Amino acid sequence: MTKMVKGIIIFVAILMVVNIATASYAQDMGKKLYRGLANVVTGWVELPKNIYDTSVEDNVLSGLTVGLAKGVGMTIVRTGAGVYETATFPFPIPEGYCPVLEPEFVFRSCK
C-alpha cells in the first residue's frame, strides 16, 4: 500500500474512534460520516441477515427465496444510503443530520 492510502485508513480509523467516544447521541456531521462509512462497509451484511431472519420467521425455503430477494434489495439500499451520507456529511440534509435509513446501522433492530 502507498503511504497516502495508509494515511487515509488511519485517518478514517481515528475519526471512527473519536465518534464512538462521544457521550451524546445527538446527530451531527461526524455521526453522519461515521454512519455513512459504516453502512458502505457493512451493507453486504444485509444479504445473509435477511436470509437468516426470514428463515427464522417463516421457514428455510422462504429464507432462501424471499430472504435472498430482500437481502439483495437491502444490500443495495444500505450501501447506497451509506454512499449518500458519506458524500453529504458536511450538510444538514435531511434536517438535523437525521439518518436516511432506519435502523441506521445493519445490526440495530427496529423492534
N, C-alpha and C. Protein backbone atom coordinates (compact mmCIF):
# COMPACT_ATOMS: atom_id res chain seq x y z
N MET A 1 0.84 -1.18 0.00
CA MET A 1 0.00 0.00 0.00
C MET A 1 0.88 1.24 0.00
N THR A 2 0.37 2.26 -0.63
CA THR A 2 1.11 3.50 -0.64
C THR A 2 0.91 4.23 0.68
N LYS A 3 1.78 5.20 0.93
CA LYS A 3 1.70 5.99 2.16
C LYS A 3 0.39 6.76 2.24
N MET A 4 -0.09 7.22 1.10
CA MET A 4 -1.34 8.00 1.09
C MET A 4 -2.53 7.12 1.50
N VAL A 5 -2.60 5.92 0.98
CA VAL A 5 -3.69 5.00 1.32
C VAL A 5 -3.64 4.65 2.80
N LYS A 6 -2.44 4.38 3.31
CA LYS A 6 -2.30 4.08 4.74
C LYS A 6 -2.72 5.28 5.59
N GLY A 7 -2.36 6.46 5.16
CA GLY A 7 -2.74 7.67 5.88
C GLY A 7 -4.25 7.87 5.91
N ILE A 8 -4.92 7.60 4.80
CA ILE A 8 -6.38 7.72 4.74
C ILE A 8 -7.03 6.70 5.65
N ILE A 9 -6.53 5.48 5.64
CA ILE A 9 -7.09 4.42 6.51
C ILE A 9 -6.91 4.80 7.98
N ILE A 10 -5.75 5.30 8.34
CA ILE A 10 -5.51 5.71 9.73
C ILE A 10 -6.41 6.87 10.10
N PHE A 11 -6.56 7.85 9.22
CA PHE A 11 -7.43 9.00 9.47
C PHE A 11 -8.87 8.56 9.71
N VAL A 12 -9.39 7.69 8.86
CA VAL A 12 -10.77 7.20 9.00
C VAL A 12 -10.92 6.41 10.29
N ALA A 13 -9.93 5.58 10.63
CA ALA A 13 -9.99 4.80 11.87
C ALA A 13 -10.02 5.72 13.09
N ILE A 14 -9.18 6.74 13.10
CA ILE A 14 -9.16 7.69 14.21
C ILE A 14 -10.49 8.43 14.30
N LEU A 15 -11.02 8.84 13.16
CA LEU A 15 -12.30 9.54 13.12
C LEU A 15 -13.41 8.67 13.70
N MET A 16 -13.42 7.39 13.35
CA MET A 16 -14.44 6.47 13.88
C MET A 16 -14.30 6.30 15.39
N VAL A 17 -13.07 6.17 15.88
CA VAL A 17 -12.86 6.01 17.33
C VAL A 17 -13.32 7.26 18.07
N VAL A 18 -13.01 8.42 17.54
CA VAL A 18 -13.43 9.67 18.18
C VAL A 18 -14.95 9.77 18.20
N ASN A 19 -15.61 9.38 17.13
CA ASN A 19 -17.06 9.45 17.09
C ASN A 19 -17.72 8.43 18.02
N ILE A 20 -17.12 7.28 18.19
CA ILE A 20 -17.67 6.27 19.10
C ILE A 20 -17.59 6.79 20.53
N ALA A 21 -16.55 7.55 20.83
CA ALA A 21 -16.31 8.00 22.20
C ALA A 21 -17.21 9.17 22.63
N THR A 22 -18.00 9.72 21.74
CA THR A 22 -18.85 10.85 22.14
C THR A 22 -19.89 10.40 23.13
N ALA A 23 -20.13 11.23 24.14
CA ALA A 23 -21.07 10.89 25.21
C ALA A 23 -22.52 11.05 24.76
N SER A 24 -22.75 11.90 23.82
CA SER A 24 -24.10 12.21 23.38
C SER A 24 -24.42 11.48 22.08
N TYR A 25 -25.70 11.15 21.91
CA TYR A 25 -26.12 10.53 20.66
C TYR A 25 -26.75 11.54 19.72
N ALA A 26 -26.46 12.80 19.94
CA ALA A 26 -27.01 13.84 19.08
C ALA A 26 -26.48 13.65 17.66
N GLN A 27 -27.30 14.00 16.71
CA GLN A 27 -26.90 13.88 15.31
C GLN A 27 -26.05 15.09 14.94
N ASP A 28 -24.91 14.83 14.35
CA ASP A 28 -24.04 15.89 13.85
C ASP A 28 -23.30 15.36 12.63
N MET A 29 -22.47 16.20 12.04
CA MET A 29 -21.81 15.79 10.80
C MET A 29 -20.85 14.63 11.02
N GLY A 30 -20.21 14.54 12.18
CA GLY A 30 -19.31 13.43 12.46
C GLY A 30 -20.06 12.10 12.56
N LYS A 31 -21.20 12.14 13.23
CA LYS A 31 -22.02 10.92 13.35
C LYS A 31 -22.54 10.51 11.96
N LYS A 32 -22.91 11.51 11.15
CA LYS A 32 -23.40 11.21 9.80
C LYS A 32 -22.30 10.56 8.96
N LEU A 33 -21.08 11.07 9.06
CA LEU A 33 -19.96 10.48 8.32
C LEU A 33 -19.69 9.06 8.81
N TYR A 34 -19.68 8.87 10.13
CA TYR A 34 -19.45 7.54 10.70
C TYR A 34 -20.53 6.57 10.23
N ARG A 35 -21.79 7.01 10.28
CA ARG A 35 -22.91 6.17 9.87
C ARG A 35 -22.79 5.82 8.39
N GLY A 36 -22.42 6.80 7.57
CA GLY A 36 -22.27 6.56 6.13
C GLY A 36 -21.17 5.56 5.83
N LEU A 37 -20.00 5.75 6.46
CA LEU A 37 -18.89 4.83 6.23
C LEU A 37 -19.22 3.42 6.73
N ALA A 38 -19.87 3.35 7.89
CA ALA A 38 -20.25 2.04 8.44
C ALA A 38 -21.20 1.32 7.50
N ASN A 39 -22.15 2.04 6.92
CA ASN A 39 -23.12 1.40 6.02
C ASN A 39 -22.49 1.03 4.67
N VAL A 40 -21.51 1.78 4.22
CA VAL A 40 -20.80 1.39 2.99
C VAL A 40 -20.03 0.10 3.23
N VAL A 41 -19.35 0.01 4.37
CA VAL A 41 -18.52 -1.15 4.68
C VAL A 41 -19.36 -2.39 5.02
N THR A 42 -20.47 -2.21 5.73
CA THR A 42 -21.25 -3.36 6.20
C THR A 42 -22.54 -3.59 5.42
N GLY A 43 -22.77 -2.87 4.36
CA GLY A 43 -24.01 -3.03 3.60
C GLY A 43 -24.24 -4.45 3.11
N TRP A 44 -23.19 -5.15 2.76
CA TRP A 44 -23.32 -6.53 2.25
C TRP A 44 -23.87 -7.48 3.31
N VAL A 45 -23.77 -7.13 4.58
CA VAL A 45 -24.25 -7.99 5.66
C VAL A 45 -25.77 -8.15 5.60
N GLU A 46 -26.45 -7.23 4.93
CA GLU A 46 -27.91 -7.34 4.78
C GLU A 46 -28.30 -8.64 4.09
N LEU A 47 -27.47 -9.15 3.20
CA LEU A 47 -27.81 -10.37 2.46
C LEU A 47 -27.96 -11.58 3.39
N PRO A 48 -26.91 -11.98 4.11
CA PRO A 48 -27.10 -13.14 5.00
C PRO A 48 -28.06 -12.84 6.15
N LYS A 49 -28.11 -11.59 6.61
CA LYS A 49 -29.01 -11.23 7.70
C LYS A 49 -30.46 -11.46 7.31
N ASN A 50 -30.86 -11.02 6.12
CA ASN A 50 -32.24 -11.18 5.67
C ASN A 50 -32.58 -12.64 5.38
N ILE A 51 -31.62 -13.39 4.86
CA ILE A 51 -31.87 -14.82 4.65
C ILE A 51 -32.11 -15.50 5.99
N TYR A 52 -31.28 -15.20 6.97
CA TYR A 52 -31.43 -15.80 8.30
C TYR A 52 -32.74 -15.37 8.96
N ASP A 53 -33.01 -14.05 8.97
CA ASP A 53 -34.22 -13.55 9.63
C ASP A 53 -35.48 -14.15 9.02
N THR A 54 -35.54 -14.23 7.69
CA THR A 54 -36.72 -14.80 7.03
C THR A 54 -36.82 -16.30 7.30
N SER A 55 -35.70 -16.99 7.35
CA SER A 55 -35.71 -18.42 7.67
C SER A 55 -36.25 -18.67 9.07
N VAL A 56 -35.87 -17.83 10.02
CA VAL A 56 -36.33 -17.98 11.40
C VAL A 56 -37.82 -17.62 11.51
N GLU A 57 -38.23 -16.54 10.84
CA GLU A 57 -39.62 -16.09 10.93
C GLU A 57 -40.58 -17.03 10.20
N ASP A 58 -40.19 -17.52 9.04
CA ASP A 58 -41.08 -18.36 8.23
C ASP A 58 -40.55 -19.80 8.17
N ASN A 59 -39.71 -20.05 7.16
CA ASN A 59 -39.09 -21.37 7.03
C ASN A 59 -37.86 -21.24 6.14
N VAL A 60 -37.11 -22.30 6.03
CA VAL A 60 -35.84 -22.26 5.30
C VAL A 60 -36.06 -21.95 3.82
N LEU A 61 -37.10 -22.51 3.21
CA LEU A 61 -37.37 -22.24 1.80
C LEU A 61 -37.66 -20.75 1.57
N SER A 62 -38.46 -20.17 2.45
CA SER A 62 -38.72 -18.72 2.35
C SER A 62 -37.43 -17.94 2.54
N GLY A 63 -36.60 -18.38 3.46
CA GLY A 63 -35.32 -17.70 3.68
C GLY A 63 -34.44 -17.70 2.46
N LEU A 64 -34.44 -18.84 1.75
CA LEU A 64 -33.57 -18.96 0.57
C LEU A 64 -34.15 -18.27 -0.66
N THR A 65 -35.43 -17.94 -0.65
CA THR A 65 -36.03 -17.27 -1.80
C THR A 65 -36.38 -15.82 -1.46
N VAL A 66 -37.37 -15.65 -0.59
CA VAL A 66 -37.81 -14.31 -0.22
C VAL A 66 -36.70 -13.57 0.53
N GLY A 67 -36.05 -14.27 1.47
CA GLY A 67 -34.96 -13.65 2.22
C GLY A 67 -33.81 -13.23 1.33
N LEU A 68 -33.51 -14.05 0.33
CA LEU A 68 -32.46 -13.70 -0.62
C LEU A 68 -32.82 -12.43 -1.39
N ALA A 69 -34.07 -12.36 -1.86
CA ALA A 69 -34.52 -11.18 -2.60
C ALA A 69 -34.48 -9.93 -1.71
N LYS A 70 -34.97 -10.06 -0.47
CA LYS A 70 -34.92 -8.92 0.47
C LYS A 70 -33.47 -8.52 0.73
N GLY A 71 -32.61 -9.51 0.90
CA GLY A 71 -31.20 -9.23 1.19
C GLY A 71 -30.49 -8.50 0.07
N VAL A 72 -30.76 -8.92 -1.16
CA VAL A 72 -30.15 -8.23 -2.31
C VAL A 72 -30.63 -6.79 -2.37
N GLY A 73 -31.94 -6.61 -2.19
CA GLY A 73 -32.50 -5.26 -2.23
C GLY A 73 -31.95 -4.38 -1.12
N MET A 74 -31.92 -4.91 0.10
CA MET A 74 -31.44 -4.11 1.23
C MET A 74 -29.93 -3.86 1.17
N THR A 75 -29.18 -4.78 0.56
CA THR A 75 -27.76 -4.54 0.37
C THR A 75 -27.55 -3.31 -0.50
N ILE A 76 -28.31 -3.22 -1.57
CA ILE A 76 -28.21 -2.07 -2.48
C ILE A 76 -28.65 -0.79 -1.76
N VAL A 77 -29.78 -0.88 -1.04
CA VAL A 77 -30.32 0.30 -0.35
C VAL A 77 -29.35 0.78 0.74
N ARG A 78 -28.87 -0.13 1.58
CA ARG A 78 -28.00 0.27 2.70
C ARG A 78 -26.67 0.82 2.19
N THR A 79 -26.08 0.18 1.19
CA THR A 79 -24.81 0.67 0.65
C THR A 79 -25.01 2.02 -0.03
N GLY A 80 -26.11 2.16 -0.77
CA GLY A 80 -26.42 3.45 -1.41
C GLY A 80 -26.64 4.55 -0.40
N ALA A 81 -27.36 4.24 0.69
CA ALA A 81 -27.58 5.23 1.75
C ALA A 81 -26.24 5.62 2.39
N GLY A 82 -25.36 4.64 2.54
CA GLY A 82 -24.04 4.93 3.10
C GLY A 82 -23.22 5.84 2.20
N VAL A 83 -23.26 5.58 0.90
CA VAL A 83 -22.54 6.45 -0.05
C VAL A 83 -23.12 7.86 0.00
N TYR A 84 -24.45 7.96 0.03
CA TYR A 84 -25.11 9.27 0.08
C TYR A 84 -24.72 10.03 1.35
N GLU A 85 -24.78 9.35 2.50
CA GLU A 85 -24.46 10.03 3.76
C GLU A 85 -22.99 10.40 3.85
N THR A 86 -22.13 9.56 3.30
CA THR A 86 -20.70 9.88 3.30
C THR A 86 -20.42 11.09 2.41
N ALA A 87 -21.07 11.15 1.27
CA ALA A 87 -20.84 12.26 0.34
C ALA A 87 -21.43 13.57 0.83
N THR A 88 -22.53 13.49 1.61
CA THR A 88 -23.21 14.72 2.03
C THR A 88 -23.03 15.02 3.51
N PHE A 89 -22.04 14.39 4.18
CA PHE A 89 -21.91 14.56 5.62
C PHE A 89 -21.73 16.00 6.09
N PRO A 90 -21.12 16.91 5.31
CA PRO A 90 -20.97 18.27 5.84
C PRO A 90 -22.28 19.08 5.84
N PHE A 91 -23.30 18.58 5.17
CA PHE A 91 -24.54 19.33 5.02
C PHE A 91 -25.65 18.73 5.87
N PRO A 92 -26.45 19.55 6.55
CA PRO A 92 -27.51 19.04 7.43
C PRO A 92 -28.76 18.59 6.66
N ILE A 93 -28.56 17.70 5.69
CA ILE A 93 -29.71 17.14 4.97
C ILE A 93 -29.73 15.64 5.16
N PRO A 94 -30.82 15.02 5.53
CA PRO A 94 -32.06 15.64 5.96
C PRO A 94 -31.83 16.52 7.19
N GLU A 95 -32.81 17.32 7.51
CA GLU A 95 -32.69 18.31 8.56
C GLU A 95 -32.14 17.70 9.85
N GLY A 96 -31.13 18.35 10.40
CA GLY A 96 -30.54 17.91 11.66
C GLY A 96 -29.66 16.67 11.54
N TYR A 97 -29.18 16.36 10.35
CA TYR A 97 -28.32 15.20 10.11
C TYR A 97 -28.99 13.88 10.46
N CYS A 98 -30.30 13.82 10.40
CA CYS A 98 -31.04 12.59 10.72
C CYS A 98 -30.70 11.49 9.72
N PRO A 99 -30.77 10.23 10.15
CA PRO A 99 -30.47 9.12 9.24
C PRO A 99 -31.49 9.02 8.11
N VAL A 100 -31.04 8.62 6.94
CA VAL A 100 -31.95 8.43 5.81
C VAL A 100 -32.53 7.04 5.79
N LEU A 101 -32.04 6.17 6.67
CA LEU A 101 -32.47 4.77 6.69
C LEU A 101 -32.64 4.32 8.14
N GLU A 102 -33.71 3.63 8.42
CA GLU A 102 -33.94 3.06 9.75
C GLU A 102 -33.99 1.55 9.65
N PRO A 103 -33.33 0.81 10.49
CA PRO A 103 -32.39 1.28 11.51
C PRO A 103 -31.15 1.87 10.86
N GLU A 104 -30.50 2.75 11.58
CA GLU A 104 -29.39 3.47 10.97
C GLU A 104 -28.15 2.62 10.73
N PHE A 105 -28.04 1.48 11.41
CA PHE A 105 -26.94 0.53 11.19
C PHE A 105 -27.52 -0.86 10.95
N VAL A 106 -26.80 -1.70 10.24
CA VAL A 106 -27.31 -3.02 9.87
C VAL A 106 -27.59 -3.90 11.08
N PHE A 107 -26.87 -3.72 12.17
CA PHE A 107 -27.03 -4.60 13.31
C PHE A 107 -28.02 -4.08 14.35
N ARG A 108 -28.63 -2.94 14.10
CA ARG A 108 -29.64 -2.42 15.03
C ARG A 108 -31.00 -2.94 14.60
N SER A 109 -31.86 -3.12 15.56
CA SER A 109 -33.20 -3.63 15.30
C SER A 109 -34.21 -2.51 15.41
N CYS A 110 -35.24 -2.54 14.55
CA CYS A 110 -36.32 -1.56 14.62
C CYS A 110 -37.31 -1.94 15.71
N LYS A 111 -37.24 -3.15 16.22
CA LYS A 111 -38.23 -3.64 17.18
C LYS A 111 -38.02 -3.07 18.55
